[in-house]
Amino acid sequence: MATTESRPTAVSPAVETVYVDRFCDGIIGPGAEVLGTVCDGGHIVANTAPGCWGPMITPAIQGGHEVTLPVNVEGAEVGDAIVIHIRSIDVTSSATASGNDRTIEGRFNGDPYCAKVCASCGAEDEATVVEGIGPDSVRCAACGAPAAPFAFTNGYTMAFDDARALGVTVTPQQAESFARDAAHAAALPANSVQNPILLFAPADLVGVVARMRPFLGQIGTMPSLDLPDSHNAGDFGAFLVGAPHRHAVTAEQLAGRTDGHLDIDAVRAGAILVCPVKVPGGGVYVGDMHAMQGDGEIAGHTADVAGTATLQVSVLKGLDLDGPILFPVLADVPFLAQPLTADERSAAEALAARRGGGPVERSLPVSFVGTGPDLNSAVDNGLARAAKVLGMSVPEVMNRATISGAIEIGRAPGTVQVTFRAPVEALAARGLDGLARQQYGEPA
């Protein structure tokens, strides 16, 4: 059963910049070691490790990802929110491997991401050694049996250009070359313990070109209970409810999640993310950087990379969020939700005057993250969160998202964005109008 007990930590003075290059063992929450405390308005600079596939083939990492140790923010109390300005994201890997997965029965107990078991000797979350390259290269350190609970159904190895603008999938021969120098090609941080997925050398796709637009798949604050990091969301978290392993939770406990596992491609440099504070200090953590991803991450995984991220964080008192709010960069705002131009407003006011309409409201875009076991549940969750924050009914939010916004899929099976233009007065009532103005300027 997941715990809510906090690990005793020495109180550290707040500093202007915290540098992060250490990682959790896959469990994030009150029991995680907190690296330090950053000043309200200060910066976190993180060297992140690849998410997904590397940790997935590393049983000692218990959460499915390898995220950074959390950093507290000075003055953040339960019921506040932490505003994260994503100042920069830079990919350091020169290559990666990924693809659609299948699980291997016998090598996990109910959940291959967070409850790995050696099929030969029965060791749980076993230490591993690497022997050669290929799908059986990761082996149990105790008995020598193949240990990875996942394999590819269709996989690829991708090389990146020097500018980190493009990737191209490579031949089997080049994939094997990367596999023999996997840690270097992946640019694994010194404190990372994952087995790099480049070891498997998949090469089912050759010559496919992908544009790079990196973002953080994991970014947020600590949940109020210890959770496997990839399960800090309503879709993956649902797998923990009634699970047969020690990370099992109840549906009521899962409400303590913070949805830090977003996989939303709009969470990129220039975006502003507002996260709930559910433990004292908040505990900001990051990881699972992706080189690119289409909406839905429909293959289950995308191009995982190492990289550096610079975040500026500040406390927004008393917002009392359940899940994240996003102010995407303007290019990522859906067409219907884009801010009105001055010409559009003039035309709307003239139309209202001719047709007997009332005053035309002033509005700016905002995006609410919703998660759940499936996409319909995630949409309901996002609508309810938006209604609660902005003091609207759910039907009103539904109407606004339909005629002045969109529902976008972050990740199947159940992470979405509910995006729409919200009245500036409603944003101002919750202290969010300043962030919207920072991102989109004064409303027309």
Protein backbone atom coordinates (compact mmCIF):
# COMPACT_ATOMS: atom_id res chain seq x y z
CA MET A 1 0.00 0.00 0.00
CA ALA A 2 1.32 3.47 -0.82
CA THR A 3 2.47 5.53 2.13
CA THR A 4 1.85 9.14 3.07
CA GLU A 5 4.69 9.34 5.57
CA SER A 6 7.30 12.00 4.89
CA ARG A 7 10.99 11.25 5.02
CA PRO A 8 12.73 13.40 7.65
CA THR A 9 14.94 15.94 5.89
CA ALA A 10 17.21 18.67 7.16
CA VAL A 11 15.81 22.14 6.62
CA SER A 12 17.94 23.82 3.96
CA PRO A 13 18.04 27.56 3.35
CA ALA A 14 16.42 28.78 0.16
CA VAL A 15 18.80 29.67 -2.65
CA GLU A 16 18.31 31.52 -5.91
CA THR A 17 19.23 28.59 -8.16
CA VAL A 18 19.15 24.85 -7.47
CA TYR A 19 21.06 22.53 -9.79
CA VAL A 20 19.59 19.03 -10.05
CA ASP A 21 21.46 15.99 -11.36
CA ARG A 22 20.19 13.25 -9.04
CA PHE A 23 17.19 10.99 -9.48
CA CYS A 24 14.48 9.17 -7.57
CA ASP A 25 14.30 5.38 -7.53
CA GLY A 26 11.01 5.69 -9.40
CA ILE A 27 8.82 6.62 -6.42
CA ILE A 28 7.70 10.24 -5.99
CA GLY A 29 5.85 11.63 -2.99
CA PRO A 30 6.35 12.54 0.68
CA GLY A 31 8.86 9.70 1.14
CA ALA A 32 11.21 11.02 -1.56
CA GLU A 33 14.43 12.79 -0.66
CA VAL A 34 14.11 16.55 -1.24
CA LEU A 35 17.24 17.97 -2.84
CA GLY A 36 16.88 21.52 -1.54
CA THR A 37 14.77 24.68 -1.46
CA VAL A 38 14.68 27.38 -4.10
CA CYS A 39 13.63 30.98 -3.45
CA ASP A 40 10.19 32.13 -4.52
CA GLY A 41 11.01 33.48 -7.99
CA GLY A 42 14.21 31.47 -8.25
CA HIS A 43 15.40 28.94 -10.81
CA ILE A 44 15.76 25.17 -11.06
CA VAL A 45 18.30 23.88 -13.59
CA ALA A 46 17.96 20.15 -14.18
CA ASN A 47 19.95 17.58 -16.16
CA THR A 48 17.26 15.02 -16.92
CA ALA A 49 17.55 11.34 -17.85
CA PRO A 50 15.51 9.65 -20.60
CA GLY A 51 12.13 8.39 -19.47
CA CYS A 52 10.02 5.44 -20.53
CA TRP A 53 12.05 2.74 -22.27
CA GLY A 54 15.33 2.93 -20.31
CA PRO A 55 13.62 2.74 -16.90
CA MET A 56 11.15 0.19 -18.28
CA ILE A 57 14.03 -2.27 -18.85
CA THR A 58 15.69 -1.44 -15.51
CA PRO A 59 13.86 -3.35 -12.73
CA ALA A 60 15.65 -1.46 -9.93
CA ILE A 61 13.79 1.71 -11.04
CA GLN A 62 10.37 1.12 -9.52
CA GLY A 63 8.29 3.76 -11.23
CA GLY A 64 8.55 3.44 -14.99
CA HIS A 65 10.53 6.69 -15.29
CA GLU A 66 13.67 8.19 -13.78
CA VAL A 67 12.69 11.67 -12.60
CA THR A 68 14.77 14.19 -10.69
CA LEU A 69 14.76 14.52 -6.93
CA PRO A 70 12.15 17.13 -5.98
CA VAL A 71 13.00 20.73 -5.05
CA ASN A 72 10.84 22.66 -2.60
CA VAL A 73 9.82 26.26 -3.23
CA GLU A 74 10.14 28.75 -0.39
CA GLY A 75 6.77 29.67 1.11
CA ALA A 76 4.71 27.05 -0.72
CA GLU A 77 2.02 25.59 1.54
CA VAL A 78 -0.66 22.99 0.96
CA GLY A 79 -3.50 24.72 -0.91
CA ASP A 80 -1.19 27.07 -2.81
CA ALA A 81 -0.02 26.64 -6.38
CA ILE A 82 3.44 26.79 -7.93
CA VAL A 83 3.86 28.66 -11.20
CA ILE A 84 6.53 27.16 -13.45
CA HIS A 85 7.87 29.23 -16.33
CA ILE A 86 9.69 26.83 -18.67
CA ARG A 87 12.60 29.00 -19.76
CA SER A 88 14.53 26.48 -21.86
CA ILE A 89 14.69 22.82 -22.87
CA ASP A 90 17.77 21.46 -24.66
CA VAL A 91 18.33 17.90 -25.87
CA THR A 92 21.77 16.43 -25.11
CA SER A 93 21.27 12.90 -26.50
CA SER A 94 22.65 12.31 -30.00
CA ALA A 95 20.43 9.25 -30.53
CA THR A 96 17.58 7.31 -28.98
CA ALA A 97 15.47 4.21 -29.54
CA SER A 98 11.75 3.69 -29.04
CA GLY A 99 8.63 2.05 -30.43
CA ASN A 100 5.43 0.25 -29.61
CA ASP A 101 5.75 -2.31 -26.81
CA ARG A 102 4.57 -5.73 -25.74
CA THR A 103 4.94 -7.19 -22.27
CA ILE A 104 6.67 -10.47 -21.42
CA GLU A 105 4.63 -12.61 -19.05
CA GLY A 106 6.34 -13.89 -15.92
CA ARG A 107 8.60 -10.86 -15.56
CA PHE A 108 6.20 -8.67 -13.57
CA ASN A 109 3.49 -8.85 -10.92
CA GLY A 110 0.40 -7.17 -12.35
CA ASP A 111 2.19 -4.05 -13.63
CA PRO A 112 5.35 -4.23 -15.77
CA TYR A 113 6.22 -0.59 -15.09
CA CYS A 114 6.43 -0.69 -11.30
CA ALA A 115 6.38 -4.34 -10.14
CA LYS A 116 9.10 -6.20 -12.03
CA VAL A 117 10.01 -9.76 -11.04
CA CYS A 118 12.73 -12.08 -12.32
CA ALA A 119 10.99 -14.99 -14.03
CA SER A 120 13.84 -17.32 -13.10
CA CYS A 121 14.78 -16.60 -9.47
CA GLY A 122 11.77 -14.52 -8.34
CA ALA A 123 13.78 -11.46 -7.26
CA GLU A 124 11.69 -8.28 -7.18
CA ASP A 125 12.96 -4.99 -8.63
CA GLU A 126 16.14 -6.91 -9.26
CA ALA A 127 19.60 -5.53 -9.92
CA THR A 128 20.72 -6.14 -13.49
CA VAL A 129 23.86 -6.45 -15.56
CA VAL A 130 24.35 -5.81 -19.27
CA GLU A 131 25.79 -8.52 -21.49
CA GLY A 132 26.25 -7.56 -25.12
CA ILE A 133 23.45 -5.87 -27.07
CA GLY A 134 19.95 -6.81 -28.17
CA PRO A 135 16.63 -7.61 -26.45
CA ASP A 136 18.20 -10.10 -24.00
CA SER A 137 21.20 -7.93 -23.08
CA VAL A 138 19.68 -6.85 -19.74
CA ARG A 139 19.96 -9.75 -17.30
CA CYS A 140 19.27 -10.46 -13.64
CA ALA A 141 22.44 -9.90 -11.64
CA ALA A 142 21.58 -12.80 -9.32
CA CYS A 143 20.78 -15.59 -11.78
CA GLY A 144 21.66 -14.28 -15.23
CA ALA A 145 18.18 -14.67 -16.76
CA PRO A 146 16.86 -12.06 -19.22
CA ALA A 147 15.17 -9.40 -17.11
CA ALA A 148 13.38 -6.82 -19.28
CA PRO A 149 9.59 -7.12 -18.95
CA PHE A 150 9.07 -5.32 -22.28
CA ALA A 151 9.99 -5.94 -25.90
CA PHE A 152 9.26 -4.10 -29.15
CA THR A 153 6.46 -4.99 -31.53
CA ASN A 154 7.79 -2.34 -33.92
CA GLY A 155 10.76 -0.24 -32.92
CA TYR A 156 13.29 2.21 -34.30
CA THR A 157 16.60 3.84 -33.52
CA MET A 158 16.84 7.55 -34.32
CA ALA A 159 19.87 9.80 -34.76
CA PHE A 160 19.68 13.58 -34.23
CA ASP A 161 21.45 16.34 -36.15
CA ASP A 162 23.92 18.67 -34.44
CA ALA A 163 21.36 21.48 -34.30
CA ARG A 164 18.82 19.16 -32.64
CA ALA A 165 16.30 20.19 -35.26
CA LEU A 166 15.74 16.85 -37.03
CA GLY A 167 15.90 13.14 -36.34
CA VAL A 168 16.11 10.28 -38.80
CA THR A 169 15.62 6.57 -38.15
CA VAL A 170 18.67 4.44 -38.99
CA THR A 171 19.60 1.06 -40.42
CA PRO A 172 20.14 -2.07 -38.32
CA GLN A 173 23.90 -1.70 -38.73
CA GLN A 174 23.91 1.87 -37.41
CA ALA A 175 21.50 0.91 -34.61
CA GLU A 176 23.99 -1.75 -33.47
CA SER A 177 26.79 0.82 -33.60
CA PHE A 178 24.82 3.11 -31.27
CA ALA A 179 24.02 0.12 -29.03
CA ARG A 180 27.73 -0.58 -28.45
CA ASP A 181 28.17 2.98 -27.13
CA ALA A 182 24.67 3.37 -25.73
CA ALA A 183 25.32 5.44 -22.60
CA HIS A 184 27.33 8.01 -24.57
CA ALA A 185 24.83 8.29 -27.43
CA ALA A 186 22.00 8.67 -24.91
CA ALA A 187 24.07 11.24 -22.94
CA LEU A 188 23.04 9.54 -19.70
CA PRO A 189 23.62 11.82 -16.71
CA ALA A 190 26.33 10.58 -14.35
CA ASN A 191 23.85 9.68 -11.60
CA SER A 192 21.40 7.85 -13.85
CA VAL A 193 21.13 4.11 -13.17
CA GLN A 194 18.97 3.10 -16.14
CA ASN A 195 19.93 0.64 -18.84
CA PRO A 196 19.79 2.72 -22.04
CA ILE A 197 17.24 1.44 -24.51
CA LEU A 198 19.70 1.93 -27.35
CA LEU A 199 21.12 -1.43 -26.19
CA PHE A 200 18.18 -3.17 -27.87
CA ALA A 201 19.08 -1.73 -31.32
CA PRO A 202 15.56 -1.81 -32.83
CA ALA A 203 15.45 -0.91 -36.54
CA ASP A 204 12.04 -1.71 -38.01
CA LEU A 205 11.70 1.83 -39.42
CA VAL A 206 14.51 3.17 -41.62
CA GLY A 207 14.74 6.63 -43.17
CA VAL A 208 11.76 8.21 -41.38
CA VAL A 209 12.38 11.92 -40.71
CA ALA A 210 10.96 13.62 -37.62
CA ARG A 211 11.06 17.31 -36.72
CA MET A 212 12.31 17.91 -33.18
CA ARG A 213 10.26 20.00 -30.76
CA PRO A 214 11.34 18.90 -27.27
CA PHE A 215 9.10 19.03 -24.23
CA LEU A 216 8.93 17.58 -20.72
CA GLY A 217 6.67 14.55 -20.31
CA GLN A 218 7.08 14.75 -16.53
CA ILE A 219 6.93 18.11 -14.78
CA GLY A 220 5.01 19.05 -11.69
CA THR A 221 4.76 18.79 -7.94
CA MET A 222 4.79 15.87 -5.52
CA PRO A 223 1.56 13.97 -4.89
CA SER A 224 0.32 13.69 -1.32
CA LEU A 225 1.21 9.98 -1.22
CA ASP A 226 4.10 7.97 -2.60
CA LEU A 227 3.37 6.86 -6.16
CA PRO A 228 5.38 5.27 -8.95
CA ASP A 229 6.36 8.37 -10.91
CA SER A 230 4.82 7.32 -14.23
CA HIS A 231 1.56 6.62 -12.38
CA ASN A 232 1.15 10.15 -11.03
CA ALA A 233 -1.80 10.69 -13.36
CA GLY A 234 -5.39 9.56 -13.56
CA ASP A 235 -4.88 7.08 -16.40
CA PHE A 236 -1.73 5.22 -15.36
CA GLY A 237 -2.67 5.77 -11.72
CA ALA A 238 -5.88 3.79 -12.28
CA PHE A 239 -3.70 0.69 -12.77
CA LEU A 240 -2.72 0.96 -9.08
CA VAL A 241 -6.28 0.73 -7.73
CA GLY A 242 -6.66 -2.75 -6.26
CA ALA A 243 -3.34 -3.87 -7.79
CA PRO A 244 -1.66 -7.08 -6.51
CA HIS A 245 1.66 -5.42 -5.65
CA ARG A 246 2.92 -3.17 -2.84
CA HIS A 247 2.28 0.07 -4.73
CA ALA A 248 -1.48 -0.52 -4.74
CA VAL A 249 -3.77 2.37 -3.73
CA THR A 250 -7.46 2.97 -3.26
CA ALA A 251 -9.49 5.21 -5.57
CA GLU A 252 -9.73 7.72 -2.71
CA GLN A 253 -5.96 7.79 -2.28
CA LEU A 254 -5.42 8.36 -5.99
CA ALA A 255 -7.13 11.73 -5.58
CA GLY A 256 -3.85 12.82 -3.98
CA ARG A 257 -2.12 12.71 -7.38
CA THR A 258 -0.89 15.92 -9.01
CA ASP A 259 -0.81 14.75 -12.65
CA GLY A 260 2.91 15.42 -13.03
CA HIS A 261 3.04 12.77 -15.78
CA LEU A 262 1.51 14.87 -18.54
CA ASP A 263 2.97 13.83 -21.91
CA ILE A 264 1.44 17.01 -23.35
CA ASP A 265 3.58 18.33 -26.19
CA ALA A 266 2.62 21.94 -25.41
CA VAL A 267 4.59 21.72 -22.14
CA ARG A 268 7.64 23.11 -23.89
CA ALA A 269 9.97 26.10 -23.67
CA GLY A 270 7.97 29.29 -23.27
CA ALA A 271 4.93 27.67 -21.69
CA ILE A 272 3.66 28.48 -18.19
CA LEU A 273 2.44 25.59 -16.02
CA VAL A 274 0.53 26.12 -12.76
CA CYS A 275 0.71 23.10 -10.42
CA PRO A 276 -1.10 22.20 -7.20
CA VAL A 277 0.74 22.11 -3.87
CA LYS A 278 -0.29 18.97 -1.98
CA VAL A 279 2.74 18.64 0.34
CA PRO A 280 4.60 21.44 2.16
CA GLY A 281 7.11 23.04 -0.22
CA GLY A 282 5.45 21.55 -3.29
CA GLY A 283 8.41 19.46 -4.42
CA VAL A 284 8.98 20.37 -8.08
CA TYR A 285 10.42 17.54 -10.18
CA VAL A 286 11.01 16.93 -13.90
CA GLY A 287 11.95 14.18 -16.33
CA ASP A 288 10.83 12.11 -19.32
CA MET A 289 12.03 14.66 -21.88
CA HIS A 290 10.81 13.86 -25.38
CA ALA A 291 12.37 14.97 -28.65
CA MET A 292 8.96 15.16 -30.33
CA GLN A 293 5.47 13.71 -30.09
CA GLY A 294 2.21 13.83 -31.98
CA ASP A 295 -0.96 14.37 -29.96
CA GLY A 296 -2.02 11.20 -28.18
CA GLU A 297 1.42 9.53 -28.07
CA ILE A 298 -0.52 6.81 -29.82
CA ALA A 299 2.37 4.29 -30.04
CA GLY A 300 2.54 4.37 -26.24
CA HIS A 301 6.05 5.84 -26.36
CA THR A 302 7.98 8.49 -28.24
CA ALA A 303 11.62 9.53 -28.62
CA ASP A 304 12.98 9.66 -25.04
CA VAL A 305 16.07 11.83 -24.57
CA ALA A 306 18.37 13.27 -21.97
CA GLY A 307 18.63 17.03 -21.76
CA THR A 308 18.77 20.16 -19.65
CA ALA A 309 15.81 22.23 -18.54
CA THR A 310 15.71 25.63 -16.85
CA LEU A 311 12.59 26.51 -14.86
CA GLN A 312 11.64 29.66 -12.99
CA VAL A 313 9.24 29.00 -10.12
CA SER A 314 7.02 31.17 -7.95
CA VAL A 315 4.22 30.67 -5.43
CA LEU A 316 0.60 31.62 -6.09
CA LYS A 317 -1.10 31.67 -2.70
CA GLY A 318 -4.44 30.05 -2.01
CA LEU A 319 -5.36 28.84 -5.50
CA ASP A 320 -6.18 25.33 -4.20
CA LEU A 321 -5.89 23.39 -7.45
CA ASP A 322 -6.65 19.73 -8.03
CA GLY A 323 -4.57 19.45 -11.21
CA PRO A 324 -2.37 21.52 -13.53
CA ILE A 325 -3.33 24.59 -15.54
CA LEU A 326 -1.35 25.41 -18.68
CA PHE A 327 -0.81 28.64 -20.58
CA PRO A 328 0.71 27.32 -23.82
CA VAL A 329 2.84 29.39 -26.16
CA LEU A 330 0.61 31.20 -28.65
CA ALA A 331 1.51 28.86 -31.52
CA ASP A 332 0.10 25.91 -29.53
CA VAL A 333 -3.25 27.53 -28.72
CA PRO A 334 -6.06 25.98 -30.83
CA PHE A 335 -7.48 28.22 -33.56
CA LEU A 336 -10.83 28.88 -31.86
CA ALA A 337 -9.14 29.67 -28.52
CA GLN A 338 -6.62 32.18 -29.90
CA PRO A 339 -6.93 35.68 -28.43
CA LEU A 340 -9.17 38.03 -30.37
CA THR A 341 -7.42 40.62 -32.50
CA ALA A 342 -8.36 44.28 -32.31
CA ASP A 343 -10.09 43.99 -35.70
CA GLU A 344 -12.08 40.95 -34.57
CA ARG A 345 -13.20 42.74 -31.44
CA SER A 346 -14.32 45.79 -33.40
CA ALA A 347 -16.26 43.57 -35.79
CA ALA A 348 -17.84 41.67 -32.88
CA GLU A 349 -18.88 44.88 -31.14
CA ALA A 350 -20.42 46.18 -34.38
CA LEU A 351 -22.28 42.89 -34.86
CA ALA A 352 -23.57 42.99 -31.28
CA ALA A 353 -24.76 46.57 -31.78
CA ARG A 354 -26.58 45.73 -35.02
CA ARG A 355 -28.22 42.57 -33.71
CA GLY A 356 -29.11 43.78 -30.23
CA GLY A 357 -26.41 41.85 -28.38
CA GLY A 358 -24.96 42.73 -25.02
CA PRO A 359 -21.42 43.86 -24.26
CA VAL A 360 -18.63 41.75 -25.76
CA GLU A 361 -16.57 40.09 -23.04
CA ARG A 362 -12.79 40.37 -22.83
CA SER A 363 -11.12 36.98 -22.76
CA LEU A 364 -7.77 35.18 -22.90
CA PRO A 365 -6.80 31.52 -23.45
CA VAL A 366 -6.34 29.01 -20.63
CA SER A 367 -5.92 25.23 -20.68
CA PHE A 368 -6.95 22.81 -17.93
CA VAL A 369 -5.39 19.34 -17.73
CA GLY A 370 -7.77 16.45 -17.14
CA THR A 371 -6.86 12.81 -16.54
CA GLY A 372 -8.77 9.58 -16.02
CA PRO A 373 -8.85 5.87 -16.84
CA ASP A 374 -10.05 6.65 -20.37
CA LEU A 375 -10.42 9.70 -22.58
CA ASN A 376 -14.08 10.33 -21.71
CA SER A 377 -13.22 10.28 -18.00
CA ALA A 378 -10.28 12.59 -18.62
CA VAL A 379 -12.51 15.09 -20.44
CA ASP A 380 -15.01 15.03 -17.58
CA ASN A 381 -12.16 15.59 -15.12
CA GLY A 382 -10.79 18.55 -17.09
CA LEU A 383 -14.23 20.13 -17.45
CA ALA A 384 -14.91 19.79 -13.73
CA ARG A 385 -11.52 21.28 -12.84
CA ALA A 386 -12.09 24.26 -15.14
CA ALA A 387 -15.57 24.85 -13.73
CA LYS A 388 -14.32 24.77 -10.14
CA VAL A 389 -11.41 27.15 -10.71
CA LEU A 390 -13.35 29.69 -12.78
CA GLY A 391 -16.63 29.56 -10.84
CA MET A 392 -18.67 28.27 -13.77
CA SER A 393 -21.02 25.36 -14.30
CA VAL A 394 -19.72 22.37 -16.23
CA PRO A 395 -22.25 22.95 -19.05
CA GLU A 396 -20.93 26.51 -19.43
CA VAL A 397 -17.37 25.21 -19.74
CA MET A 398 -18.56 22.63 -22.28
CA ASN A 399 -20.14 25.38 -24.37
CA ARG A 400 -17.08 27.61 -24.19
CA ALA A 401 -14.72 24.75 -25.12
CA THR A 402 -16.97 23.92 -28.08
CA ILE A 403 -17.31 27.40 -29.65
CA SER A 404 -14.14 29.13 -28.40
CA GLY A 405 -11.72 26.30 -27.69
CA ALA A 406 -10.93 22.62 -28.12
CA ILE A 407 -10.35 19.33 -26.36
CA GLU A 408 -6.85 18.08 -27.21
CA ILE A 409 -5.45 14.63 -26.44
CA GLY A 410 -2.17 14.65 -24.57
CA ARG A 411 -1.86 10.90 -24.11
CA ALA A 412 -4.04 7.91 -24.71
CA PRO A 413 -5.54 6.32 -22.65
CA GLY A 414 -6.57 9.36 -20.60
CA THR A 415 -4.82 12.76 -20.52
CA VAL A 416 -6.40 15.80 -22.19
CA GLN A 417 -6.32 19.58 -22.35
CA VAL A 418 -9.57 21.51 -22.03
CA THR A 419 -8.66 24.80 -23.69
CA PHE A 420 -10.85 27.87 -24.26
CA ARG A 421 -10.95 31.63 -24.02
CA ALA A 422 -12.03 32.52 -20.48
CA PRO A 423 -13.41 35.88 -19.33
CA VAL A 424 -10.62 38.02 -17.92
CA GLU A 425 -12.79 38.72 -14.87
CA ALA A 426 -13.02 35.01 -14.08
CA LEU A 427 -9.23 34.62 -14.43
CA ALA A 428 -8.66 37.70 -12.28
CA ALA A 429 -10.87 36.34 -9.50
CA ARG A 430 -8.38 33.47 -9.08
CA GLY A 431 -5.20 35.50 -9.62
CA LEU A 432 -4.57 33.97 -13.05
CA ASP A 433 -5.11 36.99 -15.28
CA GLY A 434 -1.55 38.24 -14.85
CA LEU A 435 -0.15 34.96 -16.18
CA ALA A 436 -2.51 35.08 -19.16
CA ARG A 437 -1.45 38.66 -19.90
CA GLN A 438 2.24 37.69 -19.64
CA GLN A 439 1.67 34.97 -22.21
CA TYR A 440 -0.77 36.63 -24.64
CA GLY A 441 -0.71 40.38 -23.96
CA GLU A 442 -3.62 42.60 -23.07
CA PRO A 443 -6.99 41.32 -24.29
CA ALA A 444 -8.47 43.13 -27.26
